[in-house]
């Protein structure tokens, strides 16, 4: 009997129940139907302090993530990521990039690198990719224009790489703010559920 895939979604939206979270919910529901275990974390519910660039977490060599001097929820979040086989990283586009919630999370991922003082550049503690990741983003602008002018998917992919995950699929939702309470269209739901099944099956999407 195959062990079910453990999928963790990390949502960086300011709006609960908005386009991004509902798209993630479709992905996770489809993955559960395919036998996966799923969990969703909303960064809005977590206390993540700003990285101060002290680099304390980057000074000790080894495969384990560096330990941050800040006492907040990041340590527990990293433990959940460690247990996951696959990730869903999601953020709407704000001012051309990810939200401040997601950016704060990404900045704190400096702990995934070894960067002793005197070294010109950081080195990944775990350069391989043992996990898989899906990226979910949305924009008020048309999808093609938003992807050309913004960097939200680039930032999400960078986070996935730092966490040792290969990006195997992206769901980008354009024109996501045509109404105050906008519904997901059938095409988006279909793609979201397809991505969920693919992630649960361990296949590239």
N, C-alpha and C. Protein backbone atom coordinates (compact mmCIF):
# COMPACT_ATOMS: atom_id res chain seq x y z
N UNK A 1 0.84 -1.20 0.00
CA UNK A 1 0.00 0.00 0.00
C UNK A 1 0.88 1.25 0.00
N UNK A 2 0.62 2.19 -0.92
CA UNK A 2 1.42 3.40 -1.02
C UNK A 2 1.11 4.36 0.12
N UNK A 3 2.16 5.02 0.60
CA UNK A 3 1.98 6.04 1.62
C UNK A 3 1.39 7.29 0.97
N UNK A 4 0.34 7.87 1.55
CA UNK A 4 -0.27 9.05 0.93
C UNK A 4 0.69 10.24 0.93
N UNK A 5 0.61 11.05 -0.10
CA UNK A 5 1.43 12.25 -0.20
C UNK A 5 0.93 13.29 0.81
N UNK A 6 1.85 13.88 1.53
CA UNK A 6 1.52 14.89 2.54
C UNK A 6 1.74 16.27 1.91
N UNK A 7 0.66 17.01 1.69
CA UNK A 7 0.72 18.30 1.00
C UNK A 7 0.42 19.44 1.98
N UNK A 8 1.30 20.43 1.99
CA UNK A 8 1.11 21.61 2.84
C UNK A 8 0.95 22.84 1.95
N UNK A 9 -0.13 23.58 2.16
CA UNK A 9 -0.35 24.84 1.44
C UNK A 9 -0.05 26.01 2.37
N UNK A 10 0.67 26.99 1.85
CA UNK A 10 0.99 28.21 2.59
C UNK A 10 0.40 29.38 1.81
N UNK A 11 -0.55 30.06 2.42
CA UNK A 11 -1.33 31.10 1.74
C UNK A 11 -0.94 32.47 2.27
N UNK A 12 -0.51 33.35 1.37
CA UNK A 12 -0.08 34.69 1.77
C UNK A 12 -1.05 35.77 1.38
N UNK A 13 -2.33 35.48 1.41
CA UNK A 13 -3.36 36.46 1.06
C UNK A 13 -3.82 37.22 2.30
N UNK A 14 -4.22 38.47 2.10
CA UNK A 14 -4.80 39.26 3.19
C UNK A 14 -6.29 38.96 3.38
N UNK A 15 -6.90 38.32 2.39
CA UNK A 15 -8.34 38.10 2.40
C UNK A 15 -8.66 36.62 2.57
N UNK A 16 -9.29 36.28 3.67
CA UNK A 16 -9.75 34.91 3.85
C UNK A 16 -10.99 34.68 2.99
N UNK A 17 -11.02 33.55 2.32
CA UNK A 17 -12.14 33.25 1.47
C UNK A 17 -12.11 33.94 0.14
N UNK A 18 -11.00 34.60 -0.20
CA UNK A 18 -10.88 35.28 -1.47
C UNK A 18 -10.48 34.33 -2.59
N UNK A 19 -10.18 34.90 -3.74
CA UNK A 19 -9.85 34.12 -4.93
C UNK A 19 -8.70 33.14 -4.68
N UNK A 20 -7.64 33.64 -4.07
CA UNK A 20 -6.46 32.79 -3.85
C UNK A 20 -6.79 31.62 -2.94
N UNK A 21 -7.43 31.89 -1.82
CA UNK A 21 -7.71 30.80 -0.88
C UNK A 21 -8.69 29.79 -1.47
N UNK A 22 -9.66 30.26 -2.24
CA UNK A 22 -10.61 29.32 -2.84
C UNK A 22 -9.94 28.46 -3.91
N UNK A 23 -9.00 29.03 -4.64
CA UNK A 23 -8.25 28.24 -5.61
C UNK A 23 -7.41 27.17 -4.91
N UNK A 24 -6.76 27.56 -3.82
CA UNK A 24 -5.98 26.59 -3.04
C UNK A 24 -6.89 25.50 -2.49
N UNK A 25 -8.07 25.88 -2.02
CA UNK A 25 -9.01 24.90 -1.48
C UNK A 25 -9.42 23.89 -2.55
N UNK A 26 -9.58 24.34 -3.78
CA UNK A 26 -9.92 23.41 -4.87
C UNK A 26 -8.77 22.43 -5.12
N UNK A 27 -7.55 22.94 -5.11
CA UNK A 27 -6.38 22.08 -5.29
C UNK A 27 -6.32 21.03 -4.19
N UNK A 28 -6.48 21.45 -2.94
CA UNK A 28 -6.37 20.53 -1.81
C UNK A 28 -7.51 19.53 -1.78
N UNK A 29 -8.72 19.98 -2.11
CA UNK A 29 -9.86 19.06 -2.13
C UNK A 29 -9.65 17.97 -3.17
N UNK A 30 -9.17 18.35 -4.34
CA UNK A 30 -8.91 17.38 -5.39
C UNK A 30 -7.80 16.42 -4.98
N UNK A 31 -6.77 16.95 -4.32
CA UNK A 31 -5.67 16.09 -3.85
C UNK A 31 -6.16 15.09 -2.80
N UNK A 32 -7.03 15.54 -1.91
CA UNK A 32 -7.57 14.61 -0.89
C UNK A 32 -8.39 13.51 -1.54
N UNK A 33 -9.17 13.88 -2.55
CA UNK A 33 -9.97 12.88 -3.26
C UNK A 33 -9.07 11.83 -3.92
N UNK A 34 -7.84 12.25 -4.24
CA UNK A 34 -6.88 11.34 -4.86
C UNK A 34 -6.03 10.60 -3.82
N UNK A 35 -6.36 10.79 -2.54
CA UNK A 35 -5.70 10.03 -1.49
C UNK A 35 -4.63 10.75 -0.70
N UNK A 36 -4.39 12.04 -0.99
CA UNK A 36 -3.35 12.79 -0.29
C UNK A 36 -3.84 13.28 1.07
N UNK A 37 -2.89 13.56 1.94
CA UNK A 37 -3.15 14.24 3.19
C UNK A 37 -2.84 15.72 2.97
N UNK A 38 -3.71 16.61 3.42
CA UNK A 38 -3.50 18.03 3.15
C UNK A 38 -3.66 18.87 4.41
N UNK A 39 -2.93 19.98 4.41
CA UNK A 39 -3.07 20.96 5.48
C UNK A 39 -2.82 22.34 4.87
N UNK A 40 -3.55 23.32 5.34
CA UNK A 40 -3.43 24.70 4.84
C UNK A 40 -3.06 25.63 5.98
N UNK A 41 -2.04 26.43 5.76
CA UNK A 41 -1.64 27.44 6.73
C UNK A 41 -1.82 28.82 6.09
N UNK A 42 -2.53 29.68 6.79
CA UNK A 42 -2.72 31.06 6.33
C UNK A 42 -1.76 31.96 7.09
N UNK A 43 -0.85 32.62 6.38
CA UNK A 43 0.15 33.44 7.04
C UNK A 43 -0.47 34.57 7.85
N UNK A 44 -1.68 34.98 7.48
CA UNK A 44 -2.39 36.01 8.23
C UNK A 44 -2.62 35.59 9.68
N UNK A 45 -2.68 34.28 9.92
CA UNK A 45 -2.92 33.75 11.26
C UNK A 45 -1.63 33.52 12.05
N UNK A 46 -0.49 33.75 11.42
CA UNK A 46 0.80 33.48 12.06
C UNK A 46 1.50 34.78 12.45
N UNK A 47 2.29 34.68 13.50
CA UNK A 47 3.13 35.81 13.88
C UNK A 47 4.54 35.57 13.34
N UNK A 48 4.87 36.29 12.27
CA UNK A 48 6.20 36.22 11.68
C UNK A 48 6.84 37.60 11.76
N UNK A 49 7.90 37.70 12.52
CA UNK A 49 8.60 38.98 12.64
C UNK A 49 9.44 39.24 11.39
N UNK A 50 9.78 40.49 11.17
CA UNK A 50 10.63 40.84 10.03
C UNK A 50 12.05 40.34 10.25
N UNK A 51 12.65 39.82 9.20
CA UNK A 51 14.06 39.45 9.25
C UNK A 51 14.89 40.72 9.44
N UNK A 52 15.86 40.68 10.36
CA UNK A 52 16.70 41.85 10.63
C UNK A 52 18.05 41.76 9.93
N UNK A 53 18.25 40.72 9.12
CA UNK A 53 19.52 40.53 8.41
C UNK A 53 20.72 40.39 9.34
N UNK A 54 20.49 39.86 10.54
CA UNK A 54 21.61 39.65 11.46
C UNK A 54 22.46 38.45 11.03
N UNK A 55 21.87 37.55 10.26
CA UNK A 55 22.53 36.37 9.69
C UNK A 55 22.98 35.36 10.74
N UNK A 56 22.45 35.46 11.96
CA UNK A 56 22.78 34.46 12.98
C UNK A 56 22.42 33.06 12.53
N UNK A 57 21.29 32.94 11.81
CA UNK A 57 20.80 31.62 11.40
C UNK A 57 21.63 31.02 10.28
N UNK A 58 22.54 31.78 9.68
CA UNK A 58 23.32 31.27 8.55
C UNK A 58 24.75 30.89 8.92
N UNK A 59 25.12 31.02 10.18
CA UNK A 59 26.54 30.88 10.56
C UNK A 59 26.99 29.46 10.87
N UNK A 60 26.07 28.59 11.29
CA UNK A 60 26.43 27.23 11.66
C UNK A 60 26.23 26.30 10.48
N UNK A 61 27.27 25.58 10.09
CA UNK A 61 27.19 24.66 8.96
C UNK A 61 26.31 23.46 9.28
N UNK A 62 25.83 22.78 8.24
CA UNK A 62 25.04 21.57 8.43
C UNK A 62 23.80 21.57 7.57
N UNK A 63 23.14 20.41 7.52
CA UNK A 63 21.94 20.27 6.71
C UNK A 63 20.70 20.87 7.36
N UNK A 64 20.70 20.98 8.67
CA UNK A 64 19.52 21.50 9.37
C UNK A 64 19.37 23.00 9.13
N UNK A 65 18.12 23.46 9.07
CA UNK A 65 17.87 24.88 8.93
C UNK A 65 18.50 25.63 10.11
N UNK A 66 19.03 26.82 9.82
CA UNK A 66 19.59 27.63 10.89
C UNK A 66 18.51 28.09 11.86
N UNK A 67 18.91 28.33 13.09
CA UNK A 67 17.97 28.74 14.14
C UNK A 67 17.95 30.26 14.24
N UNK A 68 16.76 30.82 14.13
CA UNK A 68 16.59 32.27 14.19
C UNK A 68 16.55 32.74 15.64
N UNK A 69 17.06 33.94 15.89
CA UNK A 69 17.03 34.49 17.25
C UNK A 69 15.66 35.04 17.60
N UNK A 70 14.78 35.22 16.59
CA UNK A 70 13.45 35.77 16.84
C UNK A 70 12.51 34.69 17.35
N UNK A 71 11.75 35.01 18.36
CA UNK A 71 10.83 34.04 18.98
C UNK A 71 9.43 34.27 18.43
N UNK A 72 9.08 33.53 17.37
CA UNK A 72 7.77 33.67 16.77
C UNK A 72 7.34 32.33 16.17
N UNK A 73 6.45 32.34 15.19
CA UNK A 73 5.88 31.10 14.66
C UNK A 73 6.69 30.47 13.52
N UNK A 74 7.80 31.08 13.13
CA UNK A 74 8.54 30.58 11.97
C UNK A 74 9.12 29.18 12.22
N UNK A 75 9.60 28.93 13.42
CA UNK A 75 10.17 27.62 13.72
C UNK A 75 9.16 26.50 13.54
N UNK A 76 7.96 26.71 14.05
CA UNK A 76 6.91 25.70 13.90
C UNK A 76 6.49 25.53 12.46
N UNK A 77 6.47 26.62 11.71
CA UNK A 77 6.12 26.56 10.30
C UNK A 77 7.16 25.75 9.51
N UNK A 78 8.42 25.95 9.82
CA UNK A 78 9.48 25.17 9.17
C UNK A 78 9.37 23.68 9.49
N UNK A 79 8.96 23.37 10.71
CA UNK A 79 8.77 21.96 11.08
C UNK A 79 7.66 21.33 10.25
N UNK A 80 6.59 22.09 10.02
CA UNK A 80 5.50 21.57 9.18
C UNK A 80 5.98 21.37 7.74
N UNK A 81 6.78 22.28 7.26
CA UNK A 81 7.33 22.17 5.91
C UNK A 81 8.21 20.93 5.80
N UNK A 82 8.99 20.67 6.84
CA UNK A 82 9.87 19.50 6.85
C UNK A 82 9.08 18.21 6.68
N UNK A 83 7.90 18.15 7.29
CA UNK A 83 7.10 16.92 7.25
C UNK A 83 6.37 16.74 5.92
N UNK A 84 6.27 17.80 5.14
CA UNK A 84 5.50 17.75 3.90
C UNK A 84 6.31 17.13 2.76
N UNK A 85 5.60 16.42 1.89
CA UNK A 85 6.20 15.89 0.66
C UNK A 85 6.07 16.89 -0.48
N UNK A 86 5.05 17.73 -0.40
CA UNK A 86 4.76 18.68 -1.48
C UNK A 86 4.19 19.95 -0.89
N UNK A 87 4.39 21.06 -1.59
CA UNK A 87 3.96 22.37 -1.11
C UNK A 87 3.09 23.06 -2.14
N UNK A 88 2.17 23.88 -1.64
CA UNK A 88 1.43 24.82 -2.47
C UNK A 88 1.72 26.20 -1.90
N UNK A 89 2.37 27.05 -2.69
CA UNK A 89 2.70 28.40 -2.25
C UNK A 89 1.82 29.39 -3.01
N UNK A 90 1.08 30.21 -2.28
CA UNK A 90 0.06 31.03 -2.92
C UNK A 90 0.07 32.47 -2.43
N UNK A 91 -0.03 33.39 -3.38
CA UNK A 91 -0.11 34.80 -3.03
C UNK A 91 -0.75 35.59 -4.16
N UNK A 92 -1.61 36.55 -3.85
CA UNK A 92 -2.05 37.49 -4.88
C UNK A 92 -0.91 38.44 -5.19
N UNK A 93 -1.00 39.11 -6.34
CA UNK A 93 -0.01 40.11 -6.71
C UNK A 93 -0.42 41.45 -6.13
N UNK A 94 0.48 42.07 -5.38
CA UNK A 94 0.28 43.41 -4.83
C UNK A 94 1.45 44.27 -5.25
N UNK A 95 1.19 45.38 -5.92
CA UNK A 95 2.24 46.29 -6.37
C UNK A 95 3.32 45.55 -7.16
N UNK A 96 2.88 44.59 -7.97
CA UNK A 96 3.79 43.91 -8.86
C UNK A 96 4.52 42.71 -8.29
N UNK A 97 4.26 42.38 -7.04
CA UNK A 97 4.98 41.27 -6.43
C UNK A 97 4.09 40.57 -5.41
N UNK A 98 4.67 39.69 -4.62
CA UNK A 98 3.90 38.98 -3.60
C UNK A 98 3.49 39.95 -2.50
N UNK A 99 2.55 39.55 -1.68
CA UNK A 99 2.12 40.39 -0.55
C UNK A 99 3.24 40.51 0.47
N UNK A 100 3.10 41.49 1.36
CA UNK A 100 4.07 41.65 2.44
C UNK A 100 4.10 40.43 3.34
N UNK A 101 2.96 39.78 3.51
CA UNK A 101 2.92 38.55 4.31
C UNK A 101 3.84 37.49 3.72
N UNK A 102 3.69 37.25 2.42
CA UNK A 102 4.51 36.24 1.77
C UNK A 102 5.97 36.68 1.69
N UNK A 103 6.21 37.97 1.45
CA UNK A 103 7.59 38.47 1.37
C UNK A 103 8.30 38.30 2.71
N UNK A 104 7.60 38.55 3.81
CA UNK A 104 8.19 38.34 5.13
C UNK A 104 8.58 36.89 5.33
N UNK A 105 7.70 35.98 4.93
CA UNK A 105 7.99 34.55 5.02
C UNK A 105 9.22 34.20 4.17
N UNK A 106 9.26 34.71 2.94
CA UNK A 106 10.38 34.38 2.05
C UNK A 106 11.70 34.92 2.60
N UNK A 107 11.68 36.14 3.15
CA UNK A 107 12.91 36.69 3.71
C UNK A 107 13.43 35.84 4.87
N UNK A 108 12.53 35.27 5.63
CA UNK A 108 12.94 34.44 6.76
C UNK A 108 13.53 33.10 6.31
N UNK A 109 13.40 32.76 5.04
CA UNK A 109 13.96 31.51 4.53
C UNK A 109 15.47 31.61 4.32
N UNK A 110 16.08 32.71 4.71
CA UNK A 110 17.54 32.80 4.68
C UNK A 110 18.16 31.70 5.53
N UNK A 111 17.39 31.18 6.48
CA UNK A 111 17.88 30.10 7.35
C UNK A 111 18.15 28.81 6.58
N UNK A 112 17.68 28.72 5.34
CA UNK A 112 17.93 27.53 4.53
C UNK A 112 19.33 27.56 3.90
N UNK A 113 20.07 28.65 4.14
CA UNK A 113 21.40 28.80 3.55
C UNK A 113 22.48 28.84 4.62
N UNK A 114 23.69 28.44 4.23
CA UNK A 114 24.89 28.59 5.06
C UNK A 114 25.69 29.75 4.48
N UNK A 115 25.91 30.78 5.28
CA UNK A 115 26.56 31.99 4.78
C UNK A 115 27.41 32.61 5.88
N UNK A 116 28.55 31.99 6.17
CA UNK A 116 29.41 32.52 7.23
C UNK A 116 30.00 33.87 6.85
N UNK A 117 30.30 34.66 7.84
CA UNK A 117 30.92 35.96 7.58
C UNK A 117 32.21 35.76 6.81
N UNK A 118 32.43 36.59 5.81
CA UNK A 118 33.60 36.49 4.97
C UNK A 118 33.36 35.75 3.68
N UNK A 119 32.26 34.97 3.62
CA UNK A 119 31.92 34.26 2.40
C UNK A 119 31.19 35.21 1.45
N UNK A 120 31.52 35.22 0.15
CA UNK A 120 30.91 36.19 -0.76
C UNK A 120 29.44 35.91 -1.08
N UNK A 121 28.99 34.68 -0.88
CA UNK A 121 27.61 34.35 -1.24
C UNK A 121 27.12 33.17 -0.41
N UNK A 122 25.79 33.07 -0.21
CA UNK A 122 25.26 31.93 0.55
C UNK A 122 25.29 30.64 -0.26
N UNK A 123 25.28 29.52 0.46
CA UNK A 123 25.18 28.21 -0.16
C UNK A 123 23.99 27.47 0.44
N UNK A 124 23.21 26.85 -0.41
CA UNK A 124 22.03 26.10 0.07
C UNK A 124 22.48 24.97 0.97
N UNK A 125 21.81 24.82 2.09
CA UNK A 125 22.14 23.71 2.99
C UNK A 125 21.75 22.37 2.37
N UNK A 126 20.68 22.40 1.58
CA UNK A 126 20.20 21.19 0.91
C UNK A 126 19.99 21.52 -0.56
N UNK A 127 21.04 21.42 -1.36
CA UNK A 127 20.95 21.85 -2.76
C UNK A 127 20.03 21.01 -3.63
N UNK A 128 19.69 19.81 -3.20
CA UNK A 128 18.79 18.96 -3.98
C UNK A 128 17.34 19.39 -3.86
N UNK A 129 16.48 18.74 -4.64
CA UNK A 129 15.04 19.03 -4.61
C UNK A 129 14.29 17.75 -4.28
N UNK A 130 13.95 17.60 -3.00
CA UNK A 130 13.29 16.38 -2.53
C UNK A 130 11.77 16.53 -2.46
N UNK A 131 11.28 17.74 -2.64
CA UNK A 131 9.83 18.00 -2.61
C UNK A 131 9.37 18.51 -3.96
N UNK A 132 8.05 18.63 -4.11
CA UNK A 132 7.46 19.25 -5.30
C UNK A 132 6.59 20.42 -4.86
N UNK A 133 6.39 21.36 -5.74
CA UNK A 133 5.61 22.54 -5.37
C UNK A 133 4.71 23.00 -6.50
N UNK A 134 3.55 23.50 -6.12
CA UNK A 134 2.66 24.22 -7.02
C UNK A 134 2.64 25.68 -6.59
N UNK A 135 2.56 26.58 -7.56
CA UNK A 135 2.48 28.00 -7.29
C UNK A 135 1.10 28.51 -7.69
N UNK A 136 0.51 29.33 -6.85
CA UNK A 136 -0.81 29.91 -7.13
C UNK A 136 -0.73 31.42 -6.96
N UNK A 137 -1.13 32.15 -7.98
CA UNK A 137 -1.08 33.61 -7.92
C UNK A 137 -2.29 34.20 -8.62
N UNK A 138 -2.59 35.44 -8.29
CA UNK A 138 -3.71 36.12 -8.94
C UNK A 138 -3.35 37.59 -9.14
N UNK A 139 -4.07 38.22 -10.07
CA UNK A 139 -3.84 39.63 -10.34
C UNK A 139 -5.13 40.27 -10.83
N UNK A 140 -5.30 41.55 -10.53
CA UNK A 140 -6.43 42.29 -11.06
C UNK A 140 -6.28 42.51 -12.56
N UNK A 141 -5.03 42.54 -13.04
CA UNK A 141 -4.76 42.72 -14.47
C UNK A 141 -4.93 41.39 -15.20
N UNK A 142 -5.05 41.43 -16.53
CA UNK A 142 -5.06 40.17 -17.30
C UNK A 142 -3.80 39.36 -17.00
N UNK A 143 -3.94 38.04 -16.97
CA UNK A 143 -2.86 37.17 -16.56
C UNK A 143 -1.57 37.38 -17.33
N UNK A 144 -1.65 37.48 -18.65
CA UNK A 144 -0.44 37.60 -19.46
C UNK A 144 0.30 38.90 -19.16
N UNK A 145 -0.45 39.99 -19.02
CA UNK A 145 0.18 41.28 -18.72
C UNK A 145 0.81 41.25 -17.33
N UNK A 146 0.08 40.68 -16.37
CA UNK A 146 0.59 40.63 -15.00
C UNK A 146 1.86 39.81 -14.90
N UNK A 147 1.93 38.70 -15.63
CA UNK A 147 3.12 37.85 -15.55
C UNK A 147 4.31 38.50 -16.23
N UNK A 148 4.06 39.37 -17.21
CA UNK A 148 5.16 40.06 -17.89
C UNK A 148 5.68 41.25 -17.08
N UNK A 149 4.79 41.89 -16.34
CA UNK A 149 5.17 43.12 -15.64
C UNK A 149 5.47 42.91 -14.15
N UNK A 150 5.04 41.79 -13.59
CA UNK A 150 5.27 41.53 -12.17
C UNK A 150 6.19 40.34 -11.96
N UNK A 151 6.55 40.10 -10.69
CA UNK A 151 7.47 39.00 -10.39
C UNK A 151 6.92 38.02 -9.35
N UNK A 152 5.59 37.99 -9.19
CA UNK A 152 5.03 37.17 -8.11
C UNK A 152 5.38 35.69 -8.27
N UNK A 153 5.28 35.14 -9.48
CA UNK A 153 5.60 33.72 -9.65
C UNK A 153 7.10 33.48 -9.48
N UNK A 154 7.92 34.45 -9.89
CA UNK A 154 9.36 34.32 -9.69
C UNK A 154 9.69 34.24 -8.21
N UNK A 155 9.05 35.07 -7.41
CA UNK A 155 9.29 35.07 -5.95
C UNK A 155 8.82 33.77 -5.31
N UNK A 156 7.66 33.28 -5.72
CA UNK A 156 7.15 32.03 -5.18
C UNK A 156 8.05 30.86 -5.56
N UNK A 157 8.52 30.87 -6.80
CA UNK A 157 9.41 29.79 -7.25
C UNK A 157 10.73 29.83 -6.49
N UNK A 158 11.23 31.02 -6.22
CA UNK A 158 12.45 31.16 -5.44
C UNK A 158 12.26 30.56 -4.04
N UNK A 159 11.09 30.81 -3.42
CA UNK A 159 10.80 30.24 -2.11
C UNK A 159 10.77 28.72 -2.17
N UNK A 160 10.13 28.19 -3.21
CA UNK A 160 10.07 26.74 -3.38
C UNK A 160 11.47 26.15 -3.48
N UNK A 161 12.33 26.79 -4.26
CA UNK A 161 13.70 26.31 -4.43
C UNK A 161 14.45 26.33 -3.10
N UNK A 162 14.30 27.40 -2.33
CA UNK A 162 14.97 27.48 -1.04
C UNK A 162 14.51 26.37 -0.10
N UNK A 163 13.28 25.92 -0.27
CA UNK A 163 12.73 24.85 0.57
C UNK A 163 12.97 23.47 -0.03
N UNK A 164 13.79 23.39 -1.06
CA UNK A 164 14.13 22.10 -1.64
C UNK A 164 13.03 21.49 -2.47
N UNK A 165 12.22 22.33 -3.09
CA UNK A 165 11.09 21.83 -3.88
C UNK A 165 11.24 22.22 -5.35
N UNK A 166 10.91 21.29 -6.21
CA UNK A 166 10.86 21.55 -7.64
C UNK A 166 9.47 22.03 -8.01
N UNK A 167 9.39 23.15 -8.68
CA UNK A 167 8.08 23.67 -9.11
C UNK A 167 7.57 22.84 -10.28
N UNK A 168 6.41 22.23 -10.11
CA UNK A 168 5.86 21.33 -11.13
C UNK A 168 4.56 21.85 -11.73
N UNK A 169 4.12 23.02 -11.33
CA UNK A 169 2.89 23.56 -11.90
C UNK A 169 2.59 24.93 -11.35
N UNK A 170 1.91 25.74 -12.15
CA UNK A 170 1.53 27.09 -11.74
C UNK A 170 0.08 27.37 -12.15
N UNK A 171 -0.67 27.94 -11.24
CA UNK A 171 -2.02 28.42 -11.53
C UNK A 171 -2.00 29.93 -11.35
N UNK A 172 -2.14 30.66 -12.46
CA UNK A 172 -2.15 32.11 -12.40
C UNK A 172 -3.54 32.59 -12.83
N UNK A 173 -4.20 33.33 -11.95
CA UNK A 173 -5.57 33.77 -12.18
C UNK A 173 -5.56 35.26 -12.50
N UNK A 174 -5.80 35.61 -13.74
CA UNK A 174 -5.88 37.01 -14.13
C UNK A 174 -7.29 37.56 -14.00
N UNK A 175 -7.41 38.88 -14.06
CA UNK A 175 -8.71 39.56 -13.93
C UNK A 175 -9.46 39.08 -12.69
N UNK A 176 -8.73 39.02 -11.58
CA UNK A 176 -9.28 38.44 -10.36
C UNK A 176 -10.02 39.45 -9.48
N UNK A 177 -10.17 40.68 -9.95
CA UNK A 177 -10.83 41.69 -9.14
C UNK A 177 -11.87 42.45 -9.95
N UNK A 178 -12.62 41.72 -10.78
CA UNK A 178 -13.66 42.35 -11.57
C UNK A 178 -14.90 42.64 -10.74
N UNK A 179 -15.05 41.90 -9.65
CA UNK A 179 -16.17 42.09 -8.73
C UNK A 179 -15.64 42.03 -7.31
N UNK A 180 -16.40 42.61 -6.38
CA UNK A 180 -15.96 42.63 -4.98
C UNK A 180 -15.88 41.21 -4.41
N UNK A 181 -16.84 40.38 -4.76
CA UNK A 181 -16.85 38.98 -4.29
C UNK A 181 -16.90 38.09 -5.53
N UNK A 182 -15.78 37.94 -6.16
CA UNK A 182 -15.72 37.24 -7.43
C UNK A 182 -15.61 35.73 -7.24
N UNK A 183 -16.30 34.99 -8.09
CA UNK A 183 -16.23 33.53 -8.04
C UNK A 183 -15.14 33.02 -8.98
N UNK A 184 -14.64 31.83 -8.68
CA UNK A 184 -13.72 31.17 -9.60
C UNK A 184 -14.50 30.71 -10.82
N UNK A 185 -13.94 30.91 -12.01
CA UNK A 185 -14.65 30.42 -13.18
C UNK A 185 -14.36 28.92 -13.38
N UNK A 186 -15.13 28.30 -14.26
CA UNK A 186 -15.03 26.85 -14.45
C UNK A 186 -13.65 26.42 -14.93
N UNK A 187 -13.05 27.24 -15.79
CA UNK A 187 -11.72 26.91 -16.31
C UNK A 187 -10.68 26.89 -15.20
N UNK A 188 -10.75 27.86 -14.30
CA UNK A 188 -9.81 27.91 -13.18
C UNK A 188 -10.01 26.74 -12.23
N UNK A 189 -11.27 26.43 -11.95
CA UNK A 189 -11.57 25.29 -11.07
C UNK A 189 -11.05 23.99 -11.69
N UNK A 190 -11.26 23.83 -12.98
CA UNK A 190 -10.81 22.62 -13.67
C UNK A 190 -9.29 22.49 -13.57
N UNK A 191 -8.57 23.59 -13.82
CA UNK A 191 -7.11 23.52 -13.75
C UNK A 191 -6.64 23.28 -12.33
N UNK A 192 -7.27 23.94 -11.36
CA UNK A 192 -6.88 23.76 -9.96
C UNK A 192 -7.04 22.30 -9.53
N UNK A 193 -8.15 21.70 -9.90
CA UNK A 193 -8.39 20.32 -9.51
C UNK A 193 -7.45 19.36 -10.24
N UNK A 194 -7.11 19.69 -11.47
CA UNK A 194 -6.15 18.88 -12.21
C UNK A 194 -4.78 18.93 -11.54
N UNK A 195 -4.37 20.12 -11.14
CA UNK A 195 -3.10 20.28 -10.45
C UNK A 195 -3.09 19.53 -9.12
N UNK A 196 -4.20 19.56 -8.41
CA UNK A 196 -4.29 18.83 -7.15
C UNK A 196 -4.11 17.33 -7.34
N UNK A 197 -4.75 16.79 -8.36
CA UNK A 197 -4.61 15.35 -8.64
C UNK A 197 -3.18 15.00 -9.02
N UNK A 198 -2.56 15.84 -9.83
CA UNK A 198 -1.19 15.62 -10.25
C UNK A 198 -0.23 15.63 -9.05
N UNK A 199 -0.44 16.60 -8.16
CA UNK A 199 0.44 16.70 -6.99
C UNK A 199 0.27 15.49 -6.09
N UNK A 200 -0.97 15.04 -5.91
CA UNK A 200 -1.23 13.88 -5.08
C UNK A 200 -0.63 12.62 -5.67
N UNK A 201 -0.57 12.57 -7.01
CA UNK A 201 -0.04 11.39 -7.68
C UNK A 201 1.48 11.42 -7.82
N UNK A 202 2.08 12.54 -7.47
CA UNK A 202 3.52 12.65 -7.56
C UNK A 202 4.03 12.85 -8.97
N UNK A 203 3.21 13.42 -9.84
CA UNK A 203 3.60 13.63 -11.24
C UNK A 203 3.82 15.10 -11.52
N UNK A 204 4.61 15.39 -12.50
CA UNK A 204 4.79 16.77 -12.95
C UNK A 204 3.49 17.27 -13.53
N UNK A 205 3.17 18.55 -13.28
CA UNK A 205 1.90 19.10 -13.75
C UNK A 205 2.13 20.15 -14.82
